[in-house]
Amino acid sequence: ELDYAPPLYLRNSHLHTVYASFARSELSVEGRLRERVDTPDGDFLDLDWYQRGHDRLLIISHGLEGHSERPYVLGMTQQAVQQGWDVLAWNYRSCTGEPNRKLQSYHSGSTEDLDFLVKLAVKRGYKSVSLCGFSIGGNKTLLYLTRDKQWVPDEVRSAITFSVPIDLVATSKKLAKP
């Protein structure tokens, strides 16, 4: 059991969730390279690379209706770059403001795109790959590492997830409330 008590002004779960979006100052990380890659099924993904020539890579998966330029993604990117990591912050299908070629969108149970990116990173020479997922990105990360573990390359060394919705039905009901 955790001994955590939020400050009085963050006792409301909704305020607690959105507080960081308002309290955090604008972030930017220099050296972003946007790349569009074609997926094996004929669609595309937009990737933001922050490369400093390291042989270890952190792949960041954003949350529901997010994208690679959200403050929480940029904050994690900034910290990782400062700690000597290259970073790949990727955008799920149709999350960069442009519709994808296929009707397929993203969903919490789909790990094919994450698998494609991990294998792309290994193919490009990264010796160590770590995964970071927020919310639905955390869900994708955990599914990838457990359900698909027989296909996860040995170069994947670690993962961290934040605010993962474990019970998607209960989560969607909570989000539907005012």
N, C-alpha and C. Protein backbone atom coordinates (compact mmCIF):
# COMPACT_ATOMS: atom_id res chain seq x y z
N GLU A 1 0.84 -1.18 0.00
CA GLU A 1 0.00 0.00 0.00
C GLU A 1 0.89 1.25 0.00
N LEU A 2 0.51 2.23 -0.78
CA LEU A 2 1.30 3.46 -0.90
C LEU A 2 0.88 4.47 0.16
N ASP A 3 1.84 5.18 0.68
CA ASP A 3 1.58 6.28 1.60
C ASP A 3 1.67 7.59 0.85
N TYR A 4 0.71 7.83 -0.02
CA TYR A 4 0.70 9.06 -0.79
C TYR A 4 -0.59 9.81 -0.52
N ALA A 5 -0.45 11.07 -0.18
CA ALA A 5 -1.61 11.94 -0.01
C ALA A 5 -1.35 13.19 -0.85
N PRO A 6 -2.19 13.44 -1.84
CA PRO A 6 -1.98 14.62 -2.67
C PRO A 6 -2.21 15.90 -1.86
N PRO A 7 -1.62 16.99 -2.32
CA PRO A 7 -1.87 18.27 -1.64
C PRO A 7 -3.37 18.58 -1.66
N LEU A 8 -3.84 19.39 -0.73
CA LEU A 8 -5.26 19.70 -0.62
C LEU A 8 -5.84 20.21 -1.94
N TYR A 9 -5.11 21.03 -2.66
CA TYR A 9 -5.63 21.60 -3.91
C TYR A 9 -5.69 20.58 -5.05
N LEU A 10 -5.15 19.38 -4.85
CA LEU A 10 -5.19 18.35 -5.88
C LEU A 10 -5.95 17.10 -5.41
N ARG A 11 -6.84 17.25 -4.45
CA ARG A 11 -7.61 16.10 -3.96
C ARG A 11 -8.61 15.61 -5.01
N ASN A 12 -9.08 16.49 -5.85
CA ASN A 12 -9.99 16.10 -6.93
C ASN A 12 -9.18 15.37 -8.00
N SER A 13 -9.61 14.16 -8.38
CA SER A 13 -8.83 13.34 -9.32
C SER A 13 -8.69 14.01 -10.69
N HIS A 14 -9.71 14.76 -11.12
CA HIS A 14 -9.61 15.44 -12.41
C HIS A 14 -8.55 16.54 -12.37
N LEU A 15 -8.56 17.34 -11.29
CA LEU A 15 -7.53 18.38 -11.14
C LEU A 15 -6.14 17.76 -11.07
N HIS A 16 -6.05 16.67 -10.34
CA HIS A 16 -4.76 15.98 -10.22
C HIS A 16 -4.24 15.54 -11.59
N THR A 17 -5.13 15.10 -12.44
CA THR A 17 -4.75 14.63 -13.77
C THR A 17 -4.26 15.75 -14.67
N VAL A 18 -4.93 16.88 -14.65
CA VAL A 18 -4.61 17.95 -15.62
C VAL A 18 -3.67 19.02 -15.06
N TYR A 19 -3.36 18.97 -13.79
CA TYR A 19 -2.54 20.00 -13.16
C TYR A 19 -1.20 20.22 -13.89
N ALA A 20 -0.51 19.16 -14.21
CA ALA A 20 0.81 19.28 -14.84
C ALA A 20 0.74 20.00 -16.18
N SER A 21 -0.37 19.83 -16.89
CA SER A 21 -0.52 20.51 -18.19
C SER A 21 -0.54 22.02 -18.04
N PHE A 22 -1.09 22.48 -16.92
CA PHE A 22 -1.17 23.93 -16.70
C PHE A 22 0.04 24.48 -15.96
N ALA A 23 0.62 23.68 -15.08
CA ALA A 23 1.71 24.15 -14.22
C ALA A 23 3.07 24.11 -14.90
N ARG A 24 3.23 23.24 -15.88
CA ARG A 24 4.53 23.07 -16.52
C ARG A 24 4.79 24.20 -17.51
N SER A 25 6.01 24.71 -17.50
CA SER A 25 6.37 25.73 -18.47
C SER A 25 6.59 25.09 -19.84
N GLU A 26 6.60 25.90 -20.86
CA GLU A 26 6.80 25.39 -22.22
C GLU A 26 8.16 24.69 -22.32
N LEU A 27 8.15 23.54 -22.93
CA LEU A 27 9.38 22.77 -23.12
C LEU A 27 9.72 22.67 -24.59
N SER A 28 10.98 22.65 -24.86
CA SER A 28 11.42 22.33 -26.21
C SER A 28 12.77 21.64 -26.08
N VAL A 29 12.98 20.70 -26.95
CA VAL A 29 14.23 19.96 -26.95
C VAL A 29 14.84 20.18 -28.33
N GLU A 30 16.07 20.64 -28.33
CA GLU A 30 16.73 20.94 -29.61
C GLU A 30 17.11 19.66 -30.35
N GLY A 31 17.16 19.78 -31.65
CA GLY A 31 17.67 18.70 -32.48
C GLY A 31 16.64 17.69 -32.92
N ARG A 32 15.37 18.05 -32.90
CA ARG A 32 14.34 17.10 -33.34
C ARG A 32 14.44 16.88 -34.85
N LEU A 33 14.40 15.63 -35.25
CA LEU A 33 14.35 15.26 -36.66
C LEU A 33 13.06 14.47 -36.87
N ARG A 34 12.15 15.02 -37.67
CA ARG A 34 10.88 14.33 -37.96
C ARG A 34 11.10 13.42 -39.16
N GLU A 35 10.71 12.17 -39.00
CA GLU A 35 10.84 11.18 -40.07
C GLU A 35 9.50 10.47 -40.24
N ARG A 36 9.10 10.30 -41.46
CA ARG A 36 7.91 9.49 -41.77
C ARG A 36 8.40 8.16 -42.30
N VAL A 37 7.97 7.09 -41.66
CA VAL A 37 8.35 5.75 -42.10
C VAL A 37 7.10 4.99 -42.55
N ASP A 38 7.27 4.20 -43.58
CA ASP A 38 6.19 3.34 -44.05
C ASP A 38 6.15 2.08 -43.20
N THR A 39 4.94 1.68 -42.83
CA THR A 39 4.76 0.48 -42.04
C THR A 39 4.59 -0.73 -42.97
N PRO A 40 4.81 -1.92 -42.44
CA PRO A 40 4.67 -3.12 -43.28
C PRO A 40 3.30 -3.29 -43.92
N ASP A 41 2.25 -2.70 -43.33
CA ASP A 41 0.90 -2.85 -43.88
C ASP A 41 0.52 -1.74 -44.86
N GLY A 42 1.49 -0.92 -45.26
CA GLY A 42 1.23 0.12 -46.27
C GLY A 42 0.78 1.45 -45.71
N ASP A 43 0.85 1.63 -44.41
CA ASP A 43 0.49 2.91 -43.80
C ASP A 43 1.78 3.64 -43.44
N PHE A 44 1.70 4.64 -42.56
CA PHE A 44 2.90 5.36 -42.16
C PHE A 44 2.81 5.77 -40.70
N LEU A 45 3.98 6.03 -40.12
CA LEU A 45 4.10 6.59 -38.78
C LEU A 45 5.02 7.79 -38.85
N ASP A 46 4.70 8.82 -38.07
CA ASP A 46 5.57 9.99 -37.95
C ASP A 46 6.37 9.86 -36.66
N LEU A 47 7.69 9.95 -36.80
CA LEU A 47 8.62 9.75 -35.69
C LEU A 47 9.40 11.01 -35.43
N ASP A 48 9.62 11.32 -34.17
CA ASP A 48 10.51 12.42 -33.79
C ASP A 48 11.74 11.82 -33.13
N TRP A 49 12.87 12.00 -33.78
CA TRP A 49 14.15 11.49 -33.29
C TRP A 49 14.92 12.63 -32.63
N TYR A 50 15.57 12.31 -31.53
CA TYR A 50 16.51 13.21 -30.87
C TYR A 50 17.79 12.39 -30.73
N GLN A 51 18.66 12.55 -31.71
CA GLN A 51 19.84 11.69 -31.78
C GLN A 51 21.10 12.47 -31.43
N ARG A 52 21.87 11.88 -30.54
CA ARG A 52 23.12 12.49 -30.11
C ARG A 52 24.31 11.54 -30.34
N GLY A 53 24.05 10.45 -31.07
CA GLY A 53 25.12 9.50 -31.37
C GLY A 53 25.34 8.44 -30.32
N HIS A 54 24.38 8.24 -29.44
CA HIS A 54 24.50 7.21 -28.42
C HIS A 54 24.04 5.85 -28.98
N ASP A 55 24.45 4.78 -28.31
CA ASP A 55 24.02 3.45 -28.77
C ASP A 55 22.85 2.91 -27.96
N ARG A 56 22.28 3.76 -27.11
CA ARG A 56 21.09 3.37 -26.37
C ARG A 56 19.95 4.34 -26.71
N LEU A 57 18.76 3.77 -26.81
CA LEU A 57 17.60 4.52 -27.28
C LEU A 57 16.43 4.34 -26.32
N LEU A 58 15.74 5.44 -26.04
CA LEU A 58 14.49 5.40 -25.31
C LEU A 58 13.37 5.66 -26.30
N ILE A 59 12.42 4.73 -26.39
CA ILE A 59 11.25 4.89 -27.24
C ILE A 59 10.08 5.31 -26.36
N ILE A 60 9.52 6.49 -26.64
CA ILE A 60 8.44 7.03 -25.83
C ILE A 60 7.11 6.90 -26.58
N SER A 61 6.13 6.29 -25.91
CA SER A 61 4.79 6.12 -26.44
C SER A 61 3.83 7.02 -25.66
N HIS A 62 3.16 7.92 -26.35
CA HIS A 62 2.29 8.90 -25.71
C HIS A 62 0.96 8.30 -25.26
N GLY A 63 0.13 9.13 -24.64
CA GLY A 63 -1.16 8.70 -24.13
C GLY A 63 -2.29 8.90 -25.13
N LEU A 64 -3.50 8.62 -24.67
CA LEU A 64 -4.70 8.71 -25.48
C LEU A 64 -4.86 10.12 -26.06
N GLU A 65 -5.05 10.17 -27.38
CA GLU A 65 -5.20 11.43 -28.12
C GLU A 65 -4.04 12.39 -27.95
N GLY A 66 -2.89 11.85 -27.60
CA GLY A 66 -1.69 12.66 -27.45
C GLY A 66 -0.88 12.67 -28.73
N HIS A 67 0.34 13.14 -28.61
CA HIS A 67 1.29 13.14 -29.71
C HIS A 67 2.68 13.40 -29.14
N SER A 68 3.67 13.37 -30.00
CA SER A 68 5.06 13.45 -29.56
C SER A 68 5.49 14.83 -29.07
N GLU A 69 4.63 15.83 -29.20
CA GLU A 69 4.99 17.18 -28.75
C GLU A 69 4.23 17.60 -27.49
N ARG A 70 3.57 16.67 -26.85
CA ARG A 70 2.89 16.98 -25.59
C ARG A 70 3.95 17.28 -24.52
N PRO A 71 3.63 18.14 -23.56
CA PRO A 71 4.62 18.50 -22.54
C PRO A 71 5.20 17.31 -21.78
N TYR A 72 4.40 16.30 -21.45
CA TYR A 72 4.93 15.16 -20.71
C TYR A 72 5.91 14.35 -21.55
N VAL A 73 5.68 14.28 -22.87
CA VAL A 73 6.62 13.58 -23.75
C VAL A 73 7.90 14.39 -23.88
N LEU A 74 7.77 15.69 -24.08
CA LEU A 74 8.95 16.54 -24.19
C LEU A 74 9.75 16.57 -22.89
N GLY A 75 9.05 16.55 -21.75
CA GLY A 75 9.75 16.52 -20.47
C GLY A 75 10.57 15.25 -20.30
N MET A 76 9.99 14.12 -20.66
CA MET A 76 10.73 12.85 -20.59
C MET A 76 11.88 12.85 -21.59
N THR A 77 11.61 13.38 -22.78
CA THR A 77 12.66 13.46 -23.80
C THR A 77 13.83 14.29 -23.30
N GLN A 78 13.52 15.44 -22.74
CA GLN A 78 14.56 16.34 -22.22
C GLN A 78 15.42 15.65 -21.16
N GLN A 79 14.76 14.96 -20.23
CA GLN A 79 15.49 14.25 -19.18
C GLN A 79 16.36 13.14 -19.75
N ALA A 80 15.83 12.38 -20.69
CA ALA A 80 16.59 11.27 -21.27
C ALA A 80 17.81 11.78 -22.04
N VAL A 81 17.62 12.83 -22.83
CA VAL A 81 18.73 13.41 -23.60
C VAL A 81 19.83 13.90 -22.65
N GLN A 82 19.42 14.54 -21.56
CA GLN A 82 20.40 15.03 -20.59
C GLN A 82 21.16 13.90 -19.90
N GLN A 83 20.55 12.71 -19.86
CA GLN A 83 21.18 11.55 -19.23
C GLN A 83 21.95 10.68 -20.22
N GLY A 84 22.12 11.15 -21.46
CA GLY A 84 22.93 10.41 -22.42
C GLY A 84 22.19 9.38 -23.26
N TRP A 85 20.92 9.63 -23.54
CA TRP A 85 20.13 8.73 -24.37
C TRP A 85 19.77 9.40 -25.69
N ASP A 86 19.68 8.61 -26.74
CA ASP A 86 18.96 9.04 -27.93
C ASP A 86 17.49 8.73 -27.64
N VAL A 87 16.59 9.48 -28.27
CA VAL A 87 15.17 9.31 -27.99
C VAL A 87 14.40 9.22 -29.30
N LEU A 88 13.43 8.33 -29.32
CA LEU A 88 12.44 8.25 -30.39
C LEU A 88 11.07 8.43 -29.75
N ALA A 89 10.44 9.58 -30.03
CA ALA A 89 9.07 9.83 -29.58
C ALA A 89 8.19 9.66 -30.80
N TRP A 90 7.33 8.67 -30.77
CA TRP A 90 6.55 8.35 -31.96
C TRP A 90 5.10 8.74 -31.79
N ASN A 91 4.45 8.92 -32.94
CA ASN A 91 3.05 9.30 -32.99
C ASN A 91 2.24 8.13 -33.51
N TYR A 92 1.15 7.83 -32.81
CA TYR A 92 0.27 6.77 -33.29
C TYR A 92 -0.39 7.23 -34.60
N ARG A 93 -0.97 6.29 -35.27
CA ARG A 93 -1.63 6.58 -36.55
C ARG A 93 -2.68 7.68 -36.37
N SER A 94 -2.60 8.67 -37.25
CA SER A 94 -3.52 9.82 -37.29
C SER A 94 -3.38 10.77 -36.10
N CYS A 95 -2.28 10.72 -35.38
CA CYS A 95 -2.09 11.61 -34.22
C CYS A 95 -1.19 12.81 -34.52
N THR A 96 -0.88 13.04 -35.77
CA THR A 96 -0.09 14.23 -36.11
C THR A 96 -0.91 15.22 -36.93
N GLY A 97 -2.22 15.05 -36.92
CA GLY A 97 -3.09 15.98 -37.62
C GLY A 97 -3.33 15.64 -39.08
N GLU A 98 -2.76 14.56 -39.53
CA GLU A 98 -2.95 14.12 -40.91
C GLU A 98 -3.51 12.71 -40.91
N PRO A 99 -4.60 12.50 -41.63
CA PRO A 99 -5.16 11.14 -41.68
C PRO A 99 -4.17 10.15 -42.30
N ASN A 100 -4.20 8.96 -41.77
CA ASN A 100 -3.35 7.92 -42.34
C ASN A 100 -3.98 7.33 -43.59
N ARG A 101 -3.22 6.52 -44.29
CA ARG A 101 -3.69 5.90 -45.54
C ARG A 101 -4.74 4.84 -45.28
N LYS A 102 -4.58 4.11 -44.20
CA LYS A 102 -5.49 3.01 -43.85
C LYS A 102 -6.58 3.51 -42.92
N LEU A 103 -7.69 2.82 -42.92
CA LEU A 103 -8.77 3.16 -41.99
C LEU A 103 -8.41 2.80 -40.56
N GLN A 104 -7.51 1.85 -40.41
CA GLN A 104 -7.10 1.42 -39.07
C GLN A 104 -6.50 2.58 -38.30
N SER A 105 -6.98 2.76 -37.08
CA SER A 105 -6.41 3.76 -36.19
C SER A 105 -5.58 3.01 -35.16
N TYR A 106 -5.34 3.64 -34.04
CA TYR A 106 -4.63 2.95 -32.98
C TYR A 106 -5.62 2.52 -31.91
N HIS A 107 -5.23 1.53 -31.13
CA HIS A 107 -6.02 1.13 -29.97
C HIS A 107 -5.10 0.50 -28.94
N SER A 108 -5.60 0.36 -27.74
CA SER A 108 -4.76 -0.05 -26.62
C SER A 108 -4.20 -1.46 -26.77
N GLY A 109 -4.85 -2.32 -27.53
CA GLY A 109 -4.39 -3.69 -27.66
C GLY A 109 -3.46 -3.94 -28.84
N SER A 110 -3.18 -2.91 -29.60
CA SER A 110 -2.35 -3.07 -30.79
C SER A 110 -0.89 -2.79 -30.46
N THR A 111 -0.03 -3.77 -30.71
CA THR A 111 1.40 -3.60 -30.43
C THR A 111 2.26 -3.72 -31.69
N GLU A 112 1.63 -3.90 -32.84
CA GLU A 112 2.39 -4.12 -34.07
C GLU A 112 3.30 -2.94 -34.41
N ASP A 113 2.79 -1.71 -34.24
CA ASP A 113 3.61 -0.55 -34.57
C ASP A 113 4.79 -0.40 -33.62
N LEU A 114 4.57 -0.65 -32.34
CA LEU A 114 5.67 -0.59 -31.37
C LEU A 114 6.72 -1.65 -31.70
N ASP A 115 6.29 -2.85 -32.03
CA ASP A 115 7.21 -3.91 -32.42
C ASP A 115 8.02 -3.50 -33.66
N PHE A 116 7.35 -2.91 -34.62
CA PHE A 116 8.01 -2.43 -35.84
C PHE A 116 9.10 -1.41 -35.49
N LEU A 117 8.80 -0.49 -34.58
CA LEU A 117 9.76 0.55 -34.21
C LEU A 117 10.94 0.00 -33.42
N VAL A 118 10.68 -0.94 -32.53
CA VAL A 118 11.78 -1.56 -31.77
C VAL A 118 12.72 -2.25 -32.74
N LYS A 119 12.17 -3.00 -33.67
CA LYS A 119 13.02 -3.72 -34.63
C LYS A 119 13.73 -2.76 -35.58
N LEU A 120 13.10 -1.65 -35.90
CA LEU A 120 13.75 -0.61 -36.71
C LEU A 120 14.95 -0.03 -35.96
N ALA A 121 14.79 0.22 -34.68
CA ALA A 121 15.88 0.76 -33.86
C ALA A 121 17.06 -0.21 -33.80
N VAL A 122 16.76 -1.47 -33.61
CA VAL A 122 17.82 -2.48 -33.56
C VAL A 122 18.52 -2.57 -34.91
N LYS A 123 17.73 -2.54 -35.97
CA LYS A 123 18.30 -2.59 -37.32
C LYS A 123 19.22 -1.39 -37.59
N ARG A 124 18.89 -0.26 -36.99
CA ARG A 124 19.69 0.95 -37.17
C ARG A 124 20.89 1.00 -36.23
N GLY A 125 21.11 -0.04 -35.43
CA GLY A 125 22.34 -0.15 -34.68
C GLY A 125 22.27 0.12 -33.19
N TYR A 126 21.10 0.34 -32.64
CA TYR A 126 21.02 0.57 -31.19
C TYR A 126 21.26 -0.74 -30.45
N LYS A 127 22.19 -0.71 -29.52
CA LYS A 127 22.57 -1.89 -28.75
C LYS A 127 21.67 -2.12 -27.55
N SER A 128 21.05 -1.03 -27.07
CA SER A 128 20.17 -1.10 -25.92
C SER A 128 18.94 -0.23 -26.19
N VAL A 129 17.77 -0.81 -25.99
CA VAL A 129 16.51 -0.09 -26.21
C VAL A 129 15.69 -0.19 -24.94
N SER A 130 15.18 0.96 -24.48
CA SER A 130 14.28 1.00 -23.35
C SER A 130 12.97 1.62 -23.81
N LEU A 131 11.88 1.23 -23.16
CA LEU A 131 10.55 1.69 -23.54
C LEU A 131 9.95 2.51 -22.42
N CYS A 132 9.23 3.56 -22.80
CA CYS A 132 8.54 4.41 -21.85
C CYS A 132 7.14 4.66 -22.40
N GLY A 133 6.11 4.36 -21.61
CA GLY A 133 4.75 4.54 -22.07
C GLY A 133 3.89 5.27 -21.07
N PHE A 134 3.09 6.20 -21.57
CA PHE A 134 2.16 6.96 -20.74
C PHE A 134 0.73 6.54 -21.07
N SER A 135 -0.05 6.25 -20.06
CA SER A 135 -1.46 5.94 -20.23
C SER A 135 -1.64 4.79 -21.23
N ILE A 136 -2.32 5.04 -22.34
CA ILE A 136 -2.53 3.99 -23.33
C ILE A 136 -1.18 3.51 -23.92
N GLY A 137 -0.19 4.40 -23.95
CA GLY A 137 1.15 4.00 -24.38
C GLY A 137 1.79 3.04 -23.39
N GLY A 138 1.48 3.20 -22.11
CA GLY A 138 1.93 2.25 -21.10
C GLY A 138 1.26 0.91 -21.27
N ASN A 139 -0.02 0.95 -21.63
CA ASN A 139 -0.76 -0.27 -21.89
C ASN A 139 -0.13 -1.03 -23.05
N LYS A 140 0.15 -0.31 -24.14
CA LYS A 140 0.78 -0.93 -25.31
C LYS A 140 2.15 -1.53 -24.93
N THR A 141 2.90 -0.79 -24.13
CA THR A 141 4.24 -1.24 -23.72
C THR A 141 4.15 -2.54 -22.92
N LEU A 142 3.28 -2.57 -21.94
CA LEU A 142 3.16 -3.77 -21.11
C LEU A 142 2.64 -4.96 -21.91
N LEU A 143 1.68 -4.73 -22.79
CA LEU A 143 1.20 -5.82 -23.65
C LEU A 143 2.32 -6.36 -24.54
N TYR A 144 3.08 -5.45 -25.11
CA TYR A 144 4.18 -5.85 -25.99
C TYR A 144 5.18 -6.73 -25.25
N LEU A 145 5.51 -6.33 -24.03
CA LEU A 145 6.53 -7.06 -23.28
C LEU A 145 6.03 -8.38 -22.70
N THR A 146 4.74 -8.53 -22.56
CA THR A 146 4.21 -9.76 -21.97
C THR A 146 3.58 -10.67 -23.02
N ARG A 147 2.60 -10.17 -23.72
CA ARG A 147 1.90 -10.99 -24.72
C ARG A 147 2.81 -11.38 -25.88
N ASP A 148 3.67 -10.49 -26.29
CA ASP A 148 4.52 -10.72 -27.46
C ASP A 148 5.98 -11.01 -27.07
N LYS A 149 6.20 -11.45 -25.83
CA LYS A 149 7.57 -11.55 -25.31
C LYS A 149 8.49 -12.46 -26.13
N GLN A 150 7.94 -13.46 -26.80
CA GLN A 150 8.80 -14.35 -27.58
C GLN A 150 9.41 -13.64 -28.79
N TRP A 151 8.83 -12.48 -29.20
CA TRP A 151 9.35 -11.76 -30.36
C TRP A 151 10.12 -10.49 -29.98
N VAL A 152 10.18 -10.18 -28.70
CA VAL A 152 10.88 -8.97 -28.27
C VAL A 152 12.38 -9.19 -28.40
N PRO A 153 13.07 -8.30 -29.14
CA PRO A 153 14.51 -8.47 -29.31
C PRO A 153 15.27 -8.38 -27.98
N ASP A 154 16.41 -9.04 -27.91
CA ASP A 154 17.24 -9.03 -26.71
C ASP A 154 17.73 -7.63 -26.36
N GLU A 155 17.77 -6.74 -27.33
CA GLU A 155 18.24 -5.37 -27.10
C GLU A 155 17.29 -4.57 -26.20
N VAL A 156 16.04 -5.03 -26.06
CA VAL A 156 15.10 -4.34 -25.16
C VAL A 156 15.49 -4.72 -23.74
N ARG A 157 15.97 -3.72 -22.99
CA ARG A 157 16.54 -3.97 -21.66
C ARG A 157 15.65 -3.56 -20.50
N SER A 158 14.78 -2.56 -20.73
CA SER A 158 13.97 -2.08 -19.62
C SER A 158 12.76 -1.33 -20.14
N ALA A 159 11.84 -1.08 -19.21
CA ALA A 159 10.64 -0.32 -19.56
C ALA A 159 10.11 0.36 -18.30
N ILE A 160 9.43 1.47 -18.52
CA ILE A 160 8.74 2.16 -17.45
C ILE A 160 7.41 2.66 -18.00
N THR A 161 6.38 2.58 -17.18
CA THR A 161 5.06 3.04 -17.62
C THR A 161 4.46 3.94 -16.55
N PHE A 162 3.57 4.84 -16.99
CA PHE A 162 2.92 5.80 -16.11
C PHE A 162 1.42 5.80 -16.38
N SER A 163 0.64 5.81 -15.33
CA SER A 163 -0.82 5.98 -15.41
C SER A 163 -1.47 5.02 -16.40
N VAL A 164 -1.14 3.76 -16.28
CA VAL A 164 -1.66 2.76 -17.20
C VAL A 164 -3.09 2.38 -16.83
N PRO A 165 -4.02 2.48 -17.78
CA PRO A 165 -5.40 2.04 -17.50
C PRO A 165 -5.48 0.51 -17.53
N ILE A 166 -5.59 -0.09 -16.38
CA ILE A 166 -5.62 -1.55 -16.29
C ILE A 166 -7.00 -2.10 -16.68
N ASP A 167 -8.05 -1.45 -16.19
CA ASP A 167 -9.42 -1.87 -16.49
C ASP A 167 -10.01 -0.85 -17.47
N LEU A 168 -9.96 -1.16 -18.76
CA LEU A 168 -10.37 -0.19 -19.78
C LEU A 168 -11.87 0.11 -19.73
N VAL A 169 -12.68 -0.85 -19.35
CA VAL A 169 -14.12 -0.61 -19.25
C VAL A 169 -14.40 0.39 -18.13
N ALA A 170 -13.83 0.16 -16.95
CA ALA A 170 -14.03 1.07 -15.83
C ALA A 170 -13.45 2.45 -16.14
N THR A 171 -12.31 2.47 -16.81
CA THR A 171 -11.68 3.74 -17.18
C THR A 171 -12.57 4.53 -18.13
N SER A 172 -13.12 3.88 -19.12
CA SER A 172 -13.98 4.60 -20.09
C SER A 172 -15.25 5.11 -19.41
N LYS A 173 -15.80 4.36 -18.46
CA LYS A 173 -16.98 4.83 -17.73
C LYS A 173 -16.64 6.06 -16.90
N LYS A 174 -15.48 6.05 -16.27
CA LYS A 174 -15.04 7.19 -15.44
C LYS A 174 -14.82 8.42 -16.33
N LEU A 175 -14.22 8.23 -17.48
CA LEU A 175 -13.96 9.35 -18.39
C LEU A 175 -15.25 9.93 -18.98
N ALA A 176 -16.29 9.13 -19.06
CA ALA A 176 -17.57 9.58 -19.61
C ALA A 176 -18.35 10.45 -18.64
N LYS A 177 -17.97 10.42 -17.38
CA LYS A 177 -18.69 11.22 -16.38
C LYS A 177 -18.25 12.69 -16.47
N PRO A 178 -19.17 13.59 -16.07
CA PRO A 178 -18.79 15.03 -16.09
C PRO A 178 -17.69 15.34 -15.08
